[in-house]
């Protein structure tokens, strides 16, 4: 099990200097030049109430844990952000989607606004 990101500064570093990958039900930020391996699971109120947010984070944890058992992931810090669509999927679909997103070429995350991080639609 990977240790988690703990403070705001770590999250800000991943958001500003990391790579971003987007899918319909999740967003991944990855900082590859981090000193160790860490992960964070995020679900904002856009996903739903407390029960829905906890389920979304649980789906992300299960998917990330399964993928990290099946293959070697790159070192660094990961922030996995749930989007609203994740609640309509089973865990096997989330695992498949996370695997596909990790295989895609990353986008630079430096120009990301606060709304994009949370998986919210721009106003």
Protein backbone atom coordinates (compact mmCIF):
# COMPACT_ATOMS: atom_id res chain seq x y z
CA UNK A 1 0.00 0.00 0.00
CA UNK A 2 1.34 3.39 -1.00
CA UNK A 3 1.65 6.23 1.52
CA UNK A 4 -0.67 9.18 0.91
CA UNK A 5 -0.04 12.83 0.16
CA UNK A 6 -0.69 14.78 3.33
CA UNK A 7 -0.49 18.55 2.99
CA UNK A 8 -1.63 21.30 0.65
CA UNK A 9 1.91 22.03 -0.54
CA UNK A 10 2.30 18.49 -1.87
CA UNK A 11 -1.01 18.73 -3.76
CA UNK A 12 -0.11 22.14 -5.18
CA UNK A 13 3.23 20.80 -6.41
CA UNK A 14 1.55 17.89 -8.19
CA UNK A 15 -1.11 20.16 -9.72
CA UNK A 16 1.37 22.79 -10.94
CA UNK A 17 4.31 20.63 -12.09
CA UNK A 18 2.74 17.27 -12.79
CA UNK A 19 1.24 15.68 -15.87
CA UNK A 20 -2.51 15.44 -16.31
CA UNK A 21 -4.60 12.67 -17.87
CA UNK A 22 -8.38 12.91 -18.23
CA UNK A 23 -11.15 10.38 -18.80
CA UNK A 24 -14.91 10.44 -18.41
CA UNK A 25 -14.93 9.36 -14.78
CA UNK A 26 -11.50 10.31 -13.40
CA UNK A 27 -8.56 12.68 -13.70
CA UNK A 28 -4.98 11.70 -12.87
CA UNK A 29 -2.17 14.06 -11.98
CA UNK A 30 1.32 12.53 -11.83
CA UNK A 31 4.51 14.22 -10.63
CA UNK A 32 7.32 11.99 -11.84
CA UNK A 33 10.28 13.76 -10.22
CA UNK A 34 9.01 13.35 -6.65
CA UNK A 35 11.37 11.95 -3.98
CA UNK A 36 9.18 8.91 -3.22
CA UNK A 37 5.94 7.14 -4.19
CA UNK A 38 2.71 8.60 -2.83
CA UNK A 39 -0.94 8.70 -3.86
CA UNK A 40 -4.05 10.71 -2.98
CA UNK A 41 -7.71 10.05 -3.76
CA UNK A 42 -9.99 13.07 -4.18
CA UNK A 43 -13.74 13.44 -4.69
CA UNK A 44 -15.32 16.88 -4.51
CA UNK A 45 -18.93 17.72 -3.73
CA UNK A 46 -19.63 17.70 -7.46
CA UNK A 47 -19.56 13.88 -7.19
CA UNK A 48 -22.31 13.91 -4.57
CA UNK A 49 -22.89 13.76 -0.85
CA UNK A 50 -20.56 12.17 1.68
CA UNK A 51 -21.67 8.61 0.94
CA UNK A 52 -21.18 9.05 -2.81
CA UNK A 53 -17.79 10.74 -2.34
CA UNK A 54 -16.60 7.92 -0.09
CA UNK A 55 -17.75 5.32 -2.63
CA UNK A 56 -15.96 7.19 -5.43
CA UNK A 57 -12.71 7.30 -3.43
CA UNK A 58 -13.11 3.63 -2.55
CA UNK A 59 -13.48 2.78 -6.26
CA UNK A 60 -10.30 4.76 -7.02
CA UNK A 61 -8.39 3.02 -4.20
CA UNK A 62 -9.45 -0.45 -5.34
CA UNK A 63 -8.57 0.29 -8.97
CA UNK A 64 -5.18 1.81 -8.13
CA UNK A 65 -4.32 -1.04 -5.75
CA UNK A 66 -5.24 -3.66 -8.37
CA UNK A 67 -3.25 -1.95 -11.12
CA UNK A 68 -0.20 -1.48 -8.88
CA UNK A 69 -0.27 -5.24 -8.15
CA UNK A 70 -0.56 -6.17 -11.84
CA UNK A 71 2.18 -3.93 -13.21
CA UNK A 72 5.02 -1.66 -12.24
CA UNK A 73 3.87 1.94 -11.99
CA UNK A 74 6.25 4.84 -12.49
CA UNK A 75 7.67 6.42 -9.37
CA UNK A 76 6.35 9.73 -8.17
CA UNK A 77 3.24 11.24 -6.67
CA UNK A 78 -0.25 10.51 -8.02
CA UNK A 79 -3.47 12.41 -7.37
CA UNK A 80 -6.56 10.54 -8.57
CA UNK A 81 -9.67 12.71 -8.81
CA UNK A 82 -13.13 11.20 -9.17
CA UNK A 83 -15.60 12.76 -11.56
CA UNK A 84 -19.39 12.33 -11.47
CA UNK A 85 -19.42 9.46 -13.97
CA UNK A 86 -17.50 7.14 -11.67
CA UNK A 87 -20.56 6.33 -9.58
CA UNK A 88 -22.31 4.73 -12.57
CA UNK A 89 -19.48 2.22 -13.10
CA UNK A 90 -18.54 -1.07 -11.50
CA UNK A 91 -15.07 -1.51 -10.05
CA UNK A 92 -13.92 -3.61 -13.01
CA UNK A 93 -14.81 -0.77 -15.39
CA UNK A 94 -12.94 1.74 -13.21
CA UNK A 95 -9.89 -0.56 -13.17
CA UNK A 96 -9.98 -0.81 -16.97
CA UNK A 97 -10.44 2.95 -17.39
CA UNK A 98 -7.63 3.79 -14.97
CA UNK A 99 -5.32 1.38 -16.76
CA UNK A 100 -6.18 2.95 -20.13
CA UNK A 101 -5.63 6.46 -18.78
CA UNK A 102 -2.24 5.51 -17.32
CA UNK A 103 -1.19 4.15 -20.73
CA UNK A 104 -2.04 7.40 -22.54
CA UNK A 105 0.48 10.17 -23.13
CA UNK A 106 0.25 12.82 -20.41
CA UNK A 107 -0.64 16.47 -20.86
CA UNK A 108 1.28 19.18 -19.06
CA UNK A 109 -0.74 20.29 -16.00
CA UNK A 110 0.70 23.78 -15.47
CA UNK A 111 -2.25 25.61 -17.05
CA UNK A 112 -4.90 23.88 -14.96
CA UNK A 113 -7.47 26.01 -13.17
CA UNK A 114 -9.06 25.14 -9.83
CA UNK A 115 -12.29 23.95 -11.47
CA UNK A 116 -10.47 21.47 -13.72
CA UNK A 117 -8.75 19.89 -10.73
CA UNK A 118 -12.03 19.12 -9.02
CA UNK A 119 -13.58 17.64 -12.15
CA UNK A 120 -16.13 20.45 -12.31
CA UNK A 121 -17.47 21.84 -15.54
CA UNK A 122 -16.37 25.43 -16.21
CA UNK A 123 -19.01 28.05 -15.43
